[in-house]
Amino acid sequence: MYLDKVIIAHSLLQAIARVNRVSGAAKDKGFVVDYVGIGHHLKKAIDNYDERDRKRLYGFMEGVE
């Protein structure tokens, strides 16, 4: 998924979750390319979850600064 506009909170997490849906052996992960710098919005959205869920969510992400 290429992000070229700012999305925040639940909409951001939902969009990323849809990208990461697997499809059998053909797809084991998704890729998000952020052209607008939504990283701080993503952290803010994840901070709304409890510690256990935050660890799980961060565990699914690679290359996030």
Protein backbone atom coordinates (compact mmCIF):
# COMPACT_ATOMS: atom_id res chain seq x y z
CA MET A 1 0.00 0.00 0.00
CA TYR A 2 1.28 3.43 -0.89
CA LEU A 3 0.22 6.18 1.51
CA ASP A 4 0.01 9.56 -0.18
CA LYS A 5 -2.41 11.24 2.22
CA VAL A 6 -2.59 11.42 5.98
CA ILE A 7 -4.87 8.94 7.71
CA ILE A 8 -4.98 8.59 11.49
CA ALA A 9 -6.22 6.54 14.43
CA HIS A 10 -8.51 3.60 13.71
CA SER A 11 -8.54 4.22 9.95
CA LEU A 12 -4.76 3.96 9.82
CA LEU A 13 -4.61 0.72 11.79
CA GLN A 14 -7.45 -0.76 9.74
CA ALA A 15 -5.72 0.10 6.44
CA ILE A 16 -2.47 -1.48 7.57
CA ALA A 17 -4.27 -4.57 8.87
CA ARG A 18 -5.94 -5.04 5.49
CA VAL A 19 -2.57 -4.89 3.74
CA ASN A 20 -1.20 -7.56 6.07
CA ARG A 21 -3.97 -10.09 5.45
CA VAL A 22 -2.42 -13.26 4.18
CA SER A 23 -3.67 -15.20 1.19
CA GLY A 24 -2.46 -18.76 1.38
CA ALA A 25 1.14 -19.51 0.50
CA ALA A 26 1.23 -16.75 -2.12
CA LYS A 27 1.21 -13.87 0.38
CA ASP A 28 2.72 -13.95 3.85
CA LYS A 29 2.93 -10.19 4.57
CA GLY A 30 2.15 -6.78 3.17
CA PHE A 31 4.22 -3.69 2.51
CA VAL A 32 3.35 -0.10 3.33
CA VAL A 33 5.24 2.74 1.66
CA ASP A 34 4.74 6.00 3.53
CA TYR A 35 5.16 9.07 1.32
CA VAL A 36 3.62 11.55 3.77
CA GLY A 37 5.17 10.66 7.14
CA ILE A 38 2.36 9.05 9.15
CA GLY A 39 4.72 7.21 11.52
CA HIS A 40 3.93 9.46 14.47
CA HIS A 41 0.19 8.96 13.81
CA LEU A 42 0.72 5.20 13.85
CA LYS A 43 2.55 5.33 17.19
CA LYS A 44 -0.22 7.50 18.64
CA ALA A 45 -2.89 5.05 17.44
CA ILE A 46 -1.03 2.05 18.89
CA ASP A 47 -0.56 3.84 22.22
CA ASN A 48 -4.33 3.55 22.76
CA TYR A 49 -3.92 -0.22 23.26
CA ASP A 50 -2.76 -2.00 26.40
CA GLU A 51 0.87 -3.06 26.77
CA ARG A 52 0.33 -6.66 25.62
CA ASP A 53 -1.41 -5.57 22.42
CA ARG A 54 1.19 -2.87 21.75
CA LYS A 55 3.95 -5.48 21.90
CA ARG A 56 2.04 -7.67 19.45
CA LEU A 57 1.43 -4.80 17.05
CA TYR A 58 5.05 -3.64 17.11
CA GLY A 59 6.13 -7.27 16.64
CA PHE A 60 4.34 -7.35 13.28
CA MET A 61 6.19 -4.32 11.97
CA GLU A 62 9.64 -4.35 10.44
CA GLY A 63 11.60 -1.29 9.42
CA VAL A 64 9.45 1.14 11.40
CA GLU A 65 11.39 3.99 12.93
